[in-house]
Amino acid sequence: FHVPSLEELAGVLQKGLKENFADAQVSVVDCPDLTKEPFNFPAKGICGKPRIADVGGVPYLIPIAQKEKVYDLNKVAKDIELPGAFILGAGAVSSRVLGINAELVPIVQTKSEKKPAVNGSYVAQINPADKGCLLEKYSSKYTDCEFGLLANLYASEGQPGKVIEVKANGRTGELNFVSCLRQTLEKHYGEKPVGMGGTFIIQKGKAKIHIMPPEFSACPLNTDEDVNNWLKFFEMKAPLICQPVIVSRDPGFDLRVEHTHCFSHHGEGGHYHQDTSPDSVQYLGYFQPAELLFRIDRPQETHLVGRD
């Protein structure tokens, strides 16, 4: 990855956000303690050897799910040469463990020689009772660190340090918050890919979120329309705590260039698409540029369906 200085990045992002939001301020700050509310993460920060891993991919989910594709976050940490990494991001659950399909919000301090893993992840699934959202802490039922099919992960040593703070209020443009950040980077850095991860809060307003159904589709999902008809969409309310993984452009590794999952403390969560209350929306985020990119178990046969 091309790794700009935090100061440079802050300037670039502020300029881009101002084209899409009524008010945007980007600055370099000390990372807040992420073990505190509303995050309650198992690590204090997102600094230290930051890297991004793109594992598996959408082609393992659609057109037909390849359920045998199961991974382990502790192994991913070793594969990206950072055992004990603190990992945030967006992925799918291991249907081998859960027996169903669901959205995974990975938040894991992976195991090291000295300490066992601390799994702070959430699972968002369709509630069998009322077809609404059922959001649960992963560790309330399971003891592993598995996931399935695909994940986009931001990993670091989980240390405190300097980060980029992004505040954006009142959306005036069409782009969602993450797409605006990504496209700003792509426009400015062009051929040089820049990767970024971290966490942001939708502090006010509502957002369009999807959750995959518990059963994999029996019919092949061949188009974006097929996929959208299969997914379940909801409008969820703030505050939502979101974990984005962003790569400004794909340098030819069949990457998913942006992917964001979110959780909350009021029982809602899933895959973030867009805020639905542009006038009142408020975003507050903390980001770090990644130094390295790892592409793990890249699908041999690929397509661009279902990538948003």
C-alpha atoms as a PDB file:
ATOM      1  CA  PHE A   1       0.000   0.000   0.000  1.00  0.00           C
ATOM      2  CA  HIS A   2       0.939   3.627  -0.439  1.00  0.00           C
ATOM      3  CA  VAL A   3       0.972   5.067   3.110  1.00  0.00           C
ATOM      4  CA  PRO A   4       0.490   8.851   3.255  1.00  0.00           C
ATOM      5  CA  SER A   5       1.164  10.768   6.469  1.00  0.00           C
ATOM      6  CA  LEU A   6      -1.840  11.246   8.754  1.00  0.00           C
ATOM      7  CA  GLU A   7      -1.691  15.020   8.226  1.00  0.00           C
ATOM      8  CA  GLU A   8      -1.760  14.659   4.446  1.00  0.00           C
ATOM      9  CA  LEU A   9      -4.567  12.115   4.608  1.00  0.00           C
ATOM     10  CA  ALA A  10      -6.636  14.358   6.885  1.00  0.00           C
ATOM     11  CA  GLY A  11      -6.403  17.209   4.360  1.00  0.00           C
ATOM     12  CA  VAL A  12      -7.326  14.992   1.423  1.00  0.00           C
ATOM     13  CA  LEU A  13     -10.301  13.433   3.224  1.00  0.00           C
ATOM     14  CA  GLN A  14     -11.654  16.735   4.520  1.00  0.00           C
ATOM     15  CA  LYS A  15     -11.685  18.186   1.026  1.00  0.00           C
ATOM     16  CA  GLY A  16     -13.531  15.152  -0.380  1.00  0.00           C
ATOM     17  CA  LEU A  17     -16.056  14.963   2.448  1.00  0.00           C
ATOM     18  CA  LYS A  18     -16.983  18.631   2.031  1.00  0.00           C
ATOM     19  CA  GLU A  19     -18.265  17.792  -1.458  1.00  0.00           C
ATOM     20  CA  ASN A  20     -20.711  15.274   0.023  1.00  0.00           C
ATOM     21  CA  PHE A  21     -21.522  16.639   3.498  1.00  0.00           C
ATOM     22  CA  ALA A  22     -22.678  20.031   4.738  1.00  0.00           C
ATOM     23  CA  ASP A  23     -20.073  19.990   7.467  1.00  0.00           C
ATOM     24  CA  ALA A  24     -16.868  17.920   7.610  1.00  0.00           C
ATOM     25  CA  GLN A  25     -13.849  18.169   9.880  1.00  0.00           C
ATOM     26  CA  VAL A  26     -10.883  15.818   9.711  1.00  0.00           C
ATOM     27  CA  SER A  27      -7.974  16.031  12.126  1.00  0.00           C
ATOM     28  CA  VAL A  28      -5.153  13.983  13.649  1.00  0.00           C
ATOM     29  CA  VAL A  29      -5.916  13.037  17.267  1.00  0.00           C
ATOM     30  CA  ASP A  30      -4.985  10.475  19.903  1.00  0.00           C
ATOM     31  CA  CYS A  31      -7.116   7.367  19.457  1.00  0.00           C
ATOM     32  CA  PRO A  32      -9.831   7.303  22.113  1.00  0.00           C
ATOM     33  CA  ASP A  33      -9.812   4.320  24.487  1.00  0.00           C
ATOM     34  CA  LEU A  34     -11.876   1.817  22.500  1.00  0.00           C
ATOM     35  CA  THR A  35     -12.400  -0.426  25.544  1.00  0.00           C
ATOM     36  CA  LYS A  36     -14.836   2.249  26.770  1.00  0.00           C
ATOM     37  CA  GLU A  37     -18.421   3.029  25.720  1.00  0.00           C
ATOM     38  CA  PRO A  38     -19.867   2.888  23.137  1.00  0.00           C
ATOM     39  CA  PHE A  39     -17.234   0.598  21.584  1.00  0.00           C
ATOM     40  CA  ASN A  40     -16.393  -1.800  24.430  1.00  0.00           C
ATOM     41  CA  PHE A  41     -13.725  -3.387  22.224  1.00  0.00           C
ATOM     42  CA  PRO A  42     -11.183  -5.873  23.620  1.00  0.00           C
ATOM     43  CA  ALA A  43      -8.291  -3.571  22.595  1.00  0.00           C
ATOM     44  CA  LYS A  44      -7.568   0.063  23.379  1.00  0.00           C
ATOM     45  CA  GLY A  45      -6.727   1.288  19.873  1.00  0.00           C
ATOM     46  CA  ILE A  46      -6.261   0.608  16.151  1.00  0.00           C
ATOM     47  CA  CYS A  47      -2.546   1.412  15.905  1.00  0.00           C
ATOM     48  CA  GLY A  48       0.572  -0.701  15.465  1.00  0.00           C
ATOM     49  CA  LYS A  49       1.509  -2.533  12.238  1.00  0.00           C
ATOM     50  CA  PRO A  50      -1.855  -1.813  10.548  1.00  0.00           C
ATOM     51  CA  ARG A  51      -2.790  -4.173   7.714  1.00  0.00           C
ATOM     52  CA  ILE A  52      -5.768  -5.317   5.698  1.00  0.00           C
ATOM     53  CA  ALA A  53      -6.787  -8.870   4.829  1.00  0.00           C
ATOM     54  CA  ASP A  54      -9.326  -9.765   2.150  1.00  0.00           C
ATOM     55  CA  VAL A  55     -10.287 -13.388   2.818  1.00  0.00           C
ATOM     56  CA  GLY A  56     -12.320 -15.587   0.466  1.00  0.00           C
ATOM     57  CA  GLY A  57     -14.882 -13.554  -1.413  1.00  0.00           C
ATOM     58  CA  VAL A  58     -18.409 -13.019  -2.656  1.00  0.00           C
ATOM     59  CA  PRO A  59     -17.964 -15.763  -5.331  1.00  0.00           C
ATOM     60  CA  TYR A  60     -17.966 -18.289  -2.444  1.00  0.00           C
ATOM     61  CA  LEU A  61     -21.455 -17.034  -1.460  1.00  0.00           C
ATOM     62  CA  ILE A  62     -23.074 -16.496  -4.841  1.00  0.00           C
ATOM     63  CA  PRO A  63     -24.330 -17.785  -7.206  1.00  0.00           C
ATOM     64  CA  ILE A  64     -24.284 -20.874  -4.913  1.00  0.00           C
ATOM     65  CA  ALA A  65     -22.833 -20.913  -1.380  1.00  0.00           C
ATOM     66  CA  GLN A  66     -19.720 -23.022  -0.850  1.00  0.00           C
ATOM     67  CA  LYS A  67     -20.348 -23.871   2.784  1.00  0.00           C
ATOM     68  CA  GLU A  68     -17.071 -25.736   3.147  1.00  0.00           C
ATOM     69  CA  LYS A  69     -15.252 -22.387   3.016  1.00  0.00           C
ATOM     70  CA  VAL A  70     -14.509 -21.852   6.703  1.00  0.00           C
ATOM     71  CA  TYR A  71     -11.708 -19.788   8.208  1.00  0.00           C
ATOM     72  CA  ASP A  72     -10.349 -18.899  11.635  1.00  0.00           C
ATOM     73  CA  LEU A  73      -9.389 -15.398  12.758  1.00  0.00           C
ATOM     74  CA  ASN A  74      -6.519 -16.744  14.889  1.00  0.00           C
ATOM     75  CA  LYS A  75      -5.062 -18.402  11.797  1.00  0.00           C
ATOM     76  CA  VAL A  76      -5.643 -15.257   9.708  1.00  0.00           C
ATOM     77  CA  ALA A  77      -3.639 -13.291  12.298  1.00  0.00           C
ATOM     78  CA  LYS A  78      -0.726 -15.697  11.782  1.00  0.00           C
ATOM     79  CA  ASP A  79      -1.146 -15.628   7.985  1.00  0.00           C
ATOM     80  CA  ILE A  80      -0.816 -11.830   7.984  1.00  0.00           C
ATOM     81  CA  GLU A  81       2.301 -12.113  10.167  1.00  0.00           C
ATOM     82  CA  LEU A  82       0.688 -10.504  13.185  1.00  0.00           C
ATOM     83  CA  PRO A  83      -0.220 -13.222  15.715  1.00  0.00           C
ATOM     84  CA  GLY A  84      -2.279 -11.698  18.523  1.00  0.00           C
ATOM     85  CA  ALA A  85      -3.628  -9.021  16.143  1.00  0.00           C
ATOM     86  CA  PHE A  86      -6.699  -7.000  17.044  1.00  0.00           C
ATOM     87  CA  ILE A  87      -9.104  -7.500  14.131  1.00  0.00           C
ATOM     88  CA  LEU A  88     -12.123  -5.429  13.066  1.00  0.00           C
ATOM     89  CA  GLY A  89     -14.230  -5.674   9.923  1.00  0.00           C
ATOM     90  CA  ALA A  90     -17.070  -7.309   8.063  1.00  0.00           C
ATOM     91  CA  GLY A  91     -17.711 -10.936   7.165  1.00  0.00           C
ATOM     92  CA  ALA A  92     -20.092 -13.888   7.211  1.00  0.00           C
ATOM     93  CA  VAL A  93     -20.495 -16.375  10.034  1.00  0.00           C
ATOM     94  CA  SER A  94     -19.323 -19.968   9.821  1.00  0.00           C
ATOM     95  CA  SER A  95     -22.513 -21.860   8.965  1.00  0.00           C
ATOM     96  CA  ARG A  96     -20.672 -24.968  10.224  1.00  0.00           C
ATOM     97  CA  VAL A  97     -20.747 -23.463  13.729  1.00  0.00           C
ATOM     98  CA  LEU A  98     -24.099 -21.633  13.671  1.00  0.00           C
ATOM     99  CA  GLY A  99     -26.034 -23.987  11.397  1.00  0.00           C
ATOM    100  CA  ILE A 100     -27.369 -20.937   9.549  1.00  0.00           C
ATOM    101  CA  ASN A 101     -26.152 -18.000   7.476  1.00  0.00           C
ATOM    102  CA  ALA A 102     -25.779 -14.575   9.124  1.00  0.00           C
ATOM    103  CA  GLU A 103     -23.760 -11.357   9.182  1.00  0.00           C
ATOM    104  CA  LEU A 104     -20.634 -11.358  11.321  1.00  0.00           C
ATOM    105  CA  VAL A 105     -19.257  -8.167  12.868  1.00  0.00           C
ATOM    106  CA  PRO A 106     -15.741  -9.355  13.776  1.00  0.00           C
ATOM    107  CA  ILE A 107     -14.152  -7.637  16.795  1.00  0.00           C
ATOM    108  CA  VAL A 108     -11.462 -10.000  18.040  1.00  0.00           C
ATOM    109  CA  GLN A 109      -8.221  -9.783  19.949  1.00  0.00           C
ATOM    110  CA  THR A 110      -6.689 -12.952  18.481  1.00  0.00           C
ATOM    111  CA  LYS A 111      -4.757 -15.407  20.593  1.00  0.00           C
ATOM    112  CA  SER A 112      -1.044 -14.970  21.233  1.00  0.00           C
ATOM    113  CA  GLU A 113       1.512 -17.197  22.945  1.00  0.00           C
ATOM    114  CA  LYS A 114       0.690 -15.506  26.215  1.00  0.00           C
ATOM    115  CA  LYS A 115      -3.064 -14.981  26.031  1.00  0.00           C
ATOM    116  CA  PRO A 116      -6.195 -16.721  24.701  1.00  0.00           C
ATOM    117  CA  ALA A 117      -8.365 -14.931  22.140  1.00  0.00           C
ATOM    118  CA  VAL A 118     -10.961 -12.398  23.308  1.00  0.00           C
ATOM    119  CA  ASN A 119     -13.949 -12.486  20.964  1.00  0.00           C
ATOM    120  CA  GLY A 120     -16.058  -9.335  21.123  1.00  0.00           C
ATOM    121  CA  SER A 121     -17.803 -10.015  17.795  1.00  0.00           C
ATOM    122  CA  TYR A 122     -21.516  -9.672  17.088  1.00  0.00           C
ATOM    123  CA  VAL A 123     -23.836 -11.727  14.908  1.00  0.00           C
ATOM    124  CA  ALA A 124     -26.794 -10.130  13.117  1.00  0.00           C
ATOM    125  CA  GLN A 125     -29.336 -12.646  11.874  1.00  0.00           C
ATOM    126  CA  ILE A 126     -32.967 -12.710  10.846  1.00  0.00           C
ATOM    127  CA  ASN A 127     -35.016 -13.420  13.958  1.00  0.00           C
ATOM    128  CA  PRO A 128     -36.988 -16.621  13.297  1.00  0.00           C
ATOM    129  CA  ALA A 129     -39.794 -15.332  15.557  1.00  0.00           C
ATOM    130  CA  ASP A 130     -40.667 -12.010  13.911  1.00  0.00           C
ATOM    131  CA  LYS A 131     -38.359 -11.800  10.835  1.00  0.00           C
ATOM    132  CA  GLY A 132     -36.744  -8.717  12.369  1.00  0.00           C
ATOM    133  CA  CYS A 133     -33.107  -8.291  13.356  1.00  0.00           C
ATOM    134  CA  LEU A 134     -31.633 -10.478  16.074  1.00  0.00           C
ATOM    135  CA  LEU A 135     -28.265  -9.121  17.205  1.00  0.00           C
ATOM    136  CA  GLU A 136     -26.256 -11.206  19.667  1.00  0.00           C
ATOM    137  CA  LYS A 137     -22.762 -11.219  21.108  1.00  0.00           C
ATOM    138  CA  TYR A 138     -20.892 -14.112  19.497  1.00  0.00           C
ATOM    139  CA  SER A 139     -19.345 -15.203  22.778  1.00  0.00           C
ATOM    140  CA  SER A 140     -22.778 -15.602  24.394  1.00  0.00           C
ATOM    141  CA  LYS A 141     -23.140 -18.893  22.476  1.00  0.00           C
ATOM    142  CA  TYR A 142     -19.845 -19.843  20.851  1.00  0.00           C
ATOM    143  CA  THR A 143     -16.232 -20.177  21.960  1.00  0.00           C
ATOM    144  CA  ASP A 144     -14.400 -20.231  18.587  1.00  0.00           C
ATOM    145  CA  CYS A 145     -13.147 -17.498  16.238  1.00  0.00           C
ATOM    146  CA  GLU A 146     -14.433 -19.007  12.990  1.00  0.00           C
ATOM    147  CA  PHE A 147     -16.045 -17.271  10.046  1.00  0.00           C
ATOM    148  CA  GLY A 148     -17.209 -18.419   6.634  1.00  0.00           C
ATOM    149  CA  LEU A 149     -17.124 -17.574   2.916  1.00  0.00           C
ATOM    150  CA  LEU A 150     -15.694 -14.061   3.034  1.00  0.00           C
ATOM    151  CA  ALA A 151     -14.381 -11.290   5.233  1.00  0.00           C
ATOM    152  CA  ASN A 152     -12.720  -7.921   4.914  1.00  0.00           C
ATOM    153  CA  LEU A 153     -10.531  -7.341   7.923  1.00  0.00           C
ATOM    154  CA  TYR A 154      -8.480  -4.499   9.364  1.00  0.00           C
ATOM    155  CA  ALA A 155      -5.803  -5.759  11.749  1.00  0.00           C
ATOM    156  CA  SER A 156      -3.372  -3.966  14.042  1.00  0.00           C
ATOM    157  CA  GLU A 157      -1.590  -4.478  17.354  1.00  0.00           C
ATOM    158  CA  GLY A 158      -4.575  -2.785  19.016  1.00  0.00           C
ATOM    159  CA  GLN A 159      -2.374  -0.059  20.473  1.00  0.00           C
ATOM    160  CA  PRO A 160      -3.199   3.544  21.332  1.00  0.00           C
ATOM    161  CA  GLY A 161      -1.617   6.177  19.078  1.00  0.00           C
ATOM    162  CA  LYS A 162      -2.348   8.925  16.593  1.00  0.00           C
ATOM    163  CA  VAL A 163      -5.328   8.365  14.287  1.00  0.00           C
ATOM    164  CA  ILE A 164      -7.469  10.310  11.868  1.00  0.00           C
ATOM    165  CA  GLU A 165     -10.683  11.625  13.405  1.00  0.00           C
ATOM    166  CA  VAL A 166     -13.465  12.263  10.913  1.00  0.00           C
ATOM    167  CA  LYS A 167     -16.619  14.226  11.705  1.00  0.00           C
ATOM    168  CA  ALA A 168     -19.235  14.609   8.984  1.00  0.00           C
ATOM    169  CA  ASN A 169     -22.758  15.972   9.418  1.00  0.00           C
ATOM    170  CA  GLY A 170     -25.648  16.540   7.022  1.00  0.00           C
ATOM    171  CA  ARG A 171     -25.217  14.557   3.824  1.00  0.00           C
ATOM    172  CA  THR A 172     -25.710  16.673   0.710  1.00  0.00           C
ATOM    173  CA  GLY A 173     -24.435  14.215  -1.920  1.00  0.00           C
ATOM    174  CA  GLU A 174     -25.427  10.750  -3.126  1.00  0.00           C
ATOM    175  CA  LEU A 175     -22.449   8.833  -1.739  1.00  0.00           C
ATOM    176  CA  ASN A 176     -22.585   7.016   1.571  1.00  0.00           C
ATOM    177  CA  PHE A 177     -19.931   7.914   4.176  1.00  0.00           C
ATOM    178  CA  VAL A 178     -17.591   5.011   3.354  1.00  0.00           C
ATOM    179  CA  SER A 179     -17.877   5.369  -0.429  1.00  0.00           C
ATOM    180  CA  CYS A 180     -17.140   9.074  -0.081  1.00  0.00           C
ATOM    181  CA  LEU A 181     -13.953   8.312   1.873  1.00  0.00           C
ATOM    182  CA  ARG A 182     -12.899   5.620  -0.601  1.00  0.00           C
ATOM    183  CA  GLN A 183     -13.621   7.591  -3.765  1.00  0.00           C
ATOM    184  CA  THR A 184     -11.831  10.620  -2.317  1.00  0.00           C
ATOM    185  CA  LEU A 185      -8.729   8.470  -1.809  1.00  0.00           C
ATOM    186  CA  GLU A 186      -9.043   6.934  -5.272  1.00  0.00           C
ATOM    187  CA  LYS A 187      -9.377  10.344  -6.912  1.00  0.00           C
ATOM    188  CA  HIS A 188      -6.392  11.785  -5.098  1.00  0.00           C
ATOM    189  CA  TYR A 189      -3.995   8.833  -5.128  1.00  0.00           C
ATOM    190  CA  GLY A 190      -4.988   7.312  -8.477  1.00  0.00           C
ATOM    191  CA  GLU A 191      -2.835   4.289  -9.321  1.00  0.00           C
ATOM    192  CA  LYS A 192      -1.392   4.096  -5.802  1.00  0.00           C
ATOM    193  CA  PRO A 193      -3.737   1.986  -3.650  1.00  0.00           C
ATOM    194  CA  VAL A 194      -4.373   3.335  -0.148  1.00  0.00           C
ATOM    195  CA  GLY A 195      -5.987   1.079   2.463  1.00  0.00           C
ATOM    196  CA  MET A 196      -7.775   2.258   5.575  1.00  0.00           C
ATOM    197  CA  GLY A 197      -9.704   0.757   8.473  1.00  0.00           C
ATOM    198  CA  GLY A 198     -11.034   1.575  11.907  1.00  0.00           C
ATOM    199  CA  THR A 199     -14.424   2.359  13.376  1.00  0.00           C
ATOM    200  CA  PHE A 200     -17.101   5.030  13.097  1.00  0.00           C
ATOM    201  CA  ILE A 201     -20.360   5.822  14.840  1.00  0.00           C
ATOM    202  CA  ILE A 202     -23.547   6.938  13.183  1.00  0.00           C
ATOM    203  CA  GLN A 203     -24.460   9.189  16.098  1.00  0.00           C
ATOM    204  CA  LYS A 204     -27.785  10.512  14.838  1.00  0.00           C
ATOM    205  CA  GLY A 205     -30.299   9.484  12.217  1.00  0.00           C
ATOM    206  CA  LYS A 206     -31.157   6.189  10.587  1.00  0.00           C
ATOM    207  CA  ALA A 207     -29.465   3.869   8.109  1.00  0.00           C
ATOM    208  CA  LYS A 208     -30.302   1.253   5.486  1.00  0.00           C
ATOM    209  CA  ILE A 209     -28.829  -2.067   6.612  1.00  0.00           C
ATOM    210  CA  HIS A 210     -29.122  -5.579   5.206  1.00  0.00           C
ATOM    211  CA  ILE A 211     -28.986  -9.000   6.815  1.00  0.00           C
ATOM    212  CA  MET A 212     -28.567 -12.206   4.833  1.00  0.00           C
ATOM    213  CA  PRO A 213     -31.333 -14.778   5.323  1.00  0.00           C
ATOM    214  CA  PRO A 214     -30.599 -17.831   7.510  1.00  0.00           C
ATOM    215  CA  GLU A 215     -30.962 -20.218   4.558  1.00  0.00           C
ATOM    216  CA  PHE A 216     -28.587 -19.998   1.621  1.00  0.00           C
ATOM    217  CA  SER A 217     -30.401 -19.500  -1.673  1.00  0.00           C
ATOM    218  CA  ALA A 218     -31.354 -22.781  -3.336  1.00  0.00           C
ATOM    219  CA  CYS A 219     -31.603 -21.059  -6.741  1.00  0.00           C
ATOM    220  CA  PRO A 220     -28.405 -19.540  -8.119  1.00  0.00           C
ATOM    221  CA  LEU A 221     -28.166 -15.784  -7.528  1.00  0.00           C
ATOM    222  CA  ASN A 222     -26.882 -14.569 -10.894  1.00  0.00           C
ATOM    223  CA  THR A 223     -27.541 -10.813 -10.840  1.00  0.00           C
ATOM    224  CA  ASP A 224     -27.496  -7.934  -8.359  1.00  0.00           C
ATOM    225  CA  GLU A 225     -31.278  -7.940  -8.593  1.00  0.00           C
ATOM    226  CA  ASP A 226     -31.372 -11.617  -7.546  1.00  0.00           C
ATOM    227  CA  VAL A 227     -29.104 -10.809  -4.610  1.00  0.00           C
ATOM    228  CA  ASN A 228     -31.170  -7.802  -3.474  1.00  0.00           C
ATOM    229  CA  ASN A 229     -34.372  -9.835  -3.648  1.00  0.00           C
ATOM    230  CA  TRP A 230     -32.734 -12.478  -1.451  1.00  0.00           C
ATOM    231  CA  LEU A 231     -31.284 -10.085   1.138  1.00  0.00           C
ATOM    232  CA  LYS A 232     -33.477  -8.595   3.870  1.00  0.00           C
ATOM    233  CA  PHE A 233     -33.291  -4.798   4.161  1.00  0.00           C
ATOM    234  CA  PHE A 234     -34.070  -2.747   7.268  1.00  0.00           C
ATOM    235  CA  GLU A 235     -33.998   0.843   8.432  1.00  0.00           C
ATOM    236  CA  MET A 236     -32.068   0.909  11.705  1.00  0.00           C
ATOM    237  CA  LYS A 237     -31.613   3.722  14.158  1.00  0.00           C
ATOM    238  CA  ALA A 238     -28.537   5.427  15.601  1.00  0.00           C
ATOM    239  CA  PRO A 239     -26.272   5.013  17.430  1.00  0.00           C
ATOM    240  CA  LEU A 240     -24.684   2.364  15.205  1.00  0.00           C
ATOM    241  CA  ILE A 241     -21.026   1.400  15.648  1.00  0.00           C
ATOM    242  CA  CYS A 242     -19.536   0.518  12.263  1.00  0.00           C
ATOM    243  CA  GLN A 243     -16.349  -1.279  11.243  1.00  0.00           C
ATOM    244  CA  PRO A 244     -15.259  -0.312   7.713  1.00  0.00           C
ATOM    245  CA  VAL A 245     -12.486  -1.754   5.563  1.00  0.00           C
ATOM    246  CA  ILE A 246     -11.559   0.478   2.625  1.00  0.00           C
ATOM    247  CA  VAL A 247      -9.123   0.066  -0.270  1.00  0.00           C
ATOM    248  CA  SER A 248      -8.988   3.039  -2.637  1.00  0.00           C
ATOM    249  CA  ARG A 249      -8.612   0.809  -5.710  1.00  0.00           C
ATOM    250  CA  ASP A 250      -8.073  -2.848  -6.536  1.00  0.00           C
ATOM    251  CA  PRO A 251      -4.547  -3.356  -7.865  1.00  0.00           C
ATOM    252  CA  GLY A 252      -5.643  -6.623  -9.482  1.00  0.00           C
ATOM    253  CA  PHE A 253      -6.267  -8.951  -6.513  1.00  0.00           C
ATOM    254  CA  ASP A 254     -10.052  -9.232  -6.935  1.00  0.00           C
ATOM    255  CA  LEU A 255     -10.644  -7.213  -3.765  1.00  0.00           C
ATOM    256  CA  ARG A 256     -13.859  -5.979  -2.269  1.00  0.00           C
ATOM    257  CA  VAL A 257     -12.873  -2.325  -2.078  1.00  0.00           C
ATOM    258  CA  GLU A 258     -15.285  -1.345   0.673  1.00  0.00           C
ATOM    259  CA  HIS A 259     -17.226  -3.380   3.200  1.00  0.00           C
ATOM    260  CA  THR A 260     -18.770  -2.185   6.471  1.00  0.00           C
ATOM    261  CA  HIS A 261     -20.707  -4.020   9.188  1.00  0.00           C
ATOM    262  CA  CYS A 262     -22.215  -2.445  12.283  1.00  0.00           C
ATOM    263  CA  PHE A 263     -23.635  -3.305  15.688  1.00  0.00           C
ATOM    264  CA  SER A 264     -25.456  -1.351  18.383  1.00  0.00           C
ATOM    265  CA  HIS A 265     -26.441  -1.593  22.026  1.00  0.00           C
ATOM    266  CA  HIS A 266     -30.152  -1.593  21.143  1.00  0.00           C
ATOM    267  CA  GLY A 267     -30.322  -4.862  19.245  1.00  0.00           C
ATOM    268  CA  GLU A 268     -29.781  -3.699  15.650  1.00  0.00           C
ATOM    269  CA  GLY A 269     -26.906  -4.335  13.273  1.00  0.00           C
ATOM    270  CA  GLY A 270     -25.791  -5.767   9.937  1.00  0.00           C
ATOM    271  CA  HIS A 271     -24.270  -4.596   6.642  1.00  0.00           C
ATOM    272  CA  TYR A 272     -24.199  -0.806   6.210  1.00  0.00           C
ATOM    273  CA  HIS A 273     -25.423   0.666   2.899  1.00  0.00           C
ATOM    274  CA  GLN A 274     -26.360   4.298   3.473  1.00  0.00           C
ATOM    275  CA  ASP A 275     -27.896   6.656   5.985  1.00  0.00           C
ATOM    276  CA  THR A 276     -31.577   7.322   5.247  1.00  0.00           C
ATOM    277  CA  SER A 277     -31.770  10.625   7.129  1.00  0.00           C
ATOM    278  CA  PRO A 278     -29.298  12.813   5.214  1.00  0.00           C
ATOM    279  CA  ASP A 279     -30.308  16.083   6.885  1.00  0.00           C
ATOM    280  CA  SER A 280     -29.848  14.917  10.450  1.00  0.00           C
ATOM    281  CA  VAL A 281     -27.104  12.316  10.094  1.00  0.00           C
ATOM    282  CA  GLN A 282     -23.911  12.680  12.135  1.00  0.00           C
ATOM    283  CA  TYR A 283     -20.811  10.545  11.648  1.00  0.00           C
ATOM    284  CA  LEU A 284     -17.802  10.339  13.962  1.00  0.00           C
ATOM    285  CA  GLY A 285     -14.957   8.033  12.971  1.00  0.00           C
ATOM    286  CA  TYR A 286     -11.389   6.994  13.775  1.00  0.00           C
ATOM    287  CA  PHE A 287      -9.211   5.617  10.985  1.00  0.00           C
ATOM    288  CA  GLN A 288      -5.700   4.456  10.306  1.00  0.00           C
ATOM    289  CA  PRO A 289      -4.037   3.863   6.923  1.00  0.00           C
ATOM    290  CA  ALA A 290      -2.865   0.260   6.424  1.00  0.00           C
ATOM    291  CA  GLU A 291       0.727  -0.581   5.495  1.00  0.00           C
ATOM    292  CA  LEU A 292       0.195  -4.043   4.030  1.00  0.00           C
ATOM    293  CA  LEU A 293      -2.439  -5.973   2.092  1.00  0.00           C
ATOM    294  CA  PHE A 294      -2.936  -9.741   2.301  1.00  0.00           C
ATOM    295  CA  ARG A 295      -5.172 -11.641  -0.127  1.00  0.00           C
ATOM    296  CA  ILE A 296      -6.155 -14.994   1.375  1.00  0.00           C
ATOM    297  CA  ASP A 297      -7.889 -17.826  -0.521  1.00  0.00           C
ATOM    298  CA  ARG A 298      -8.755 -15.716  -3.529  1.00  0.00           C
ATOM    299  CA  PRO A 299     -11.575 -17.312  -5.587  1.00  0.00           C
ATOM    300  CA  GLN A 300     -10.381 -18.819  -8.862  1.00  0.00           C
ATOM    301  CA  GLU A 301     -13.681 -18.115 -10.604  1.00  0.00           C
ATOM    302  CA  THR A 302     -14.932 -14.632  -9.973  1.00  0.00           C
ATOM    303  CA  HIS A 303     -17.659 -12.107 -10.864  1.00  0.00           C
ATOM    304  CA  LEU A 304     -18.775  -8.657  -9.748  1.00  0.00           C
ATOM    305  CA  VAL A 305     -22.277  -9.522  -8.563  1.00  0.00           C
ATOM    306  CA  GLY A 306     -23.221  -8.629  -4.985  1.00  0.00           C
ATOM    307  CA  ARG A 307     -20.227  -6.440  -4.223  1.00  0.00           C
ATOM    308  CA  ASP A 308     -21.985  -3.420  -2.748  1.00  0.00           C
END
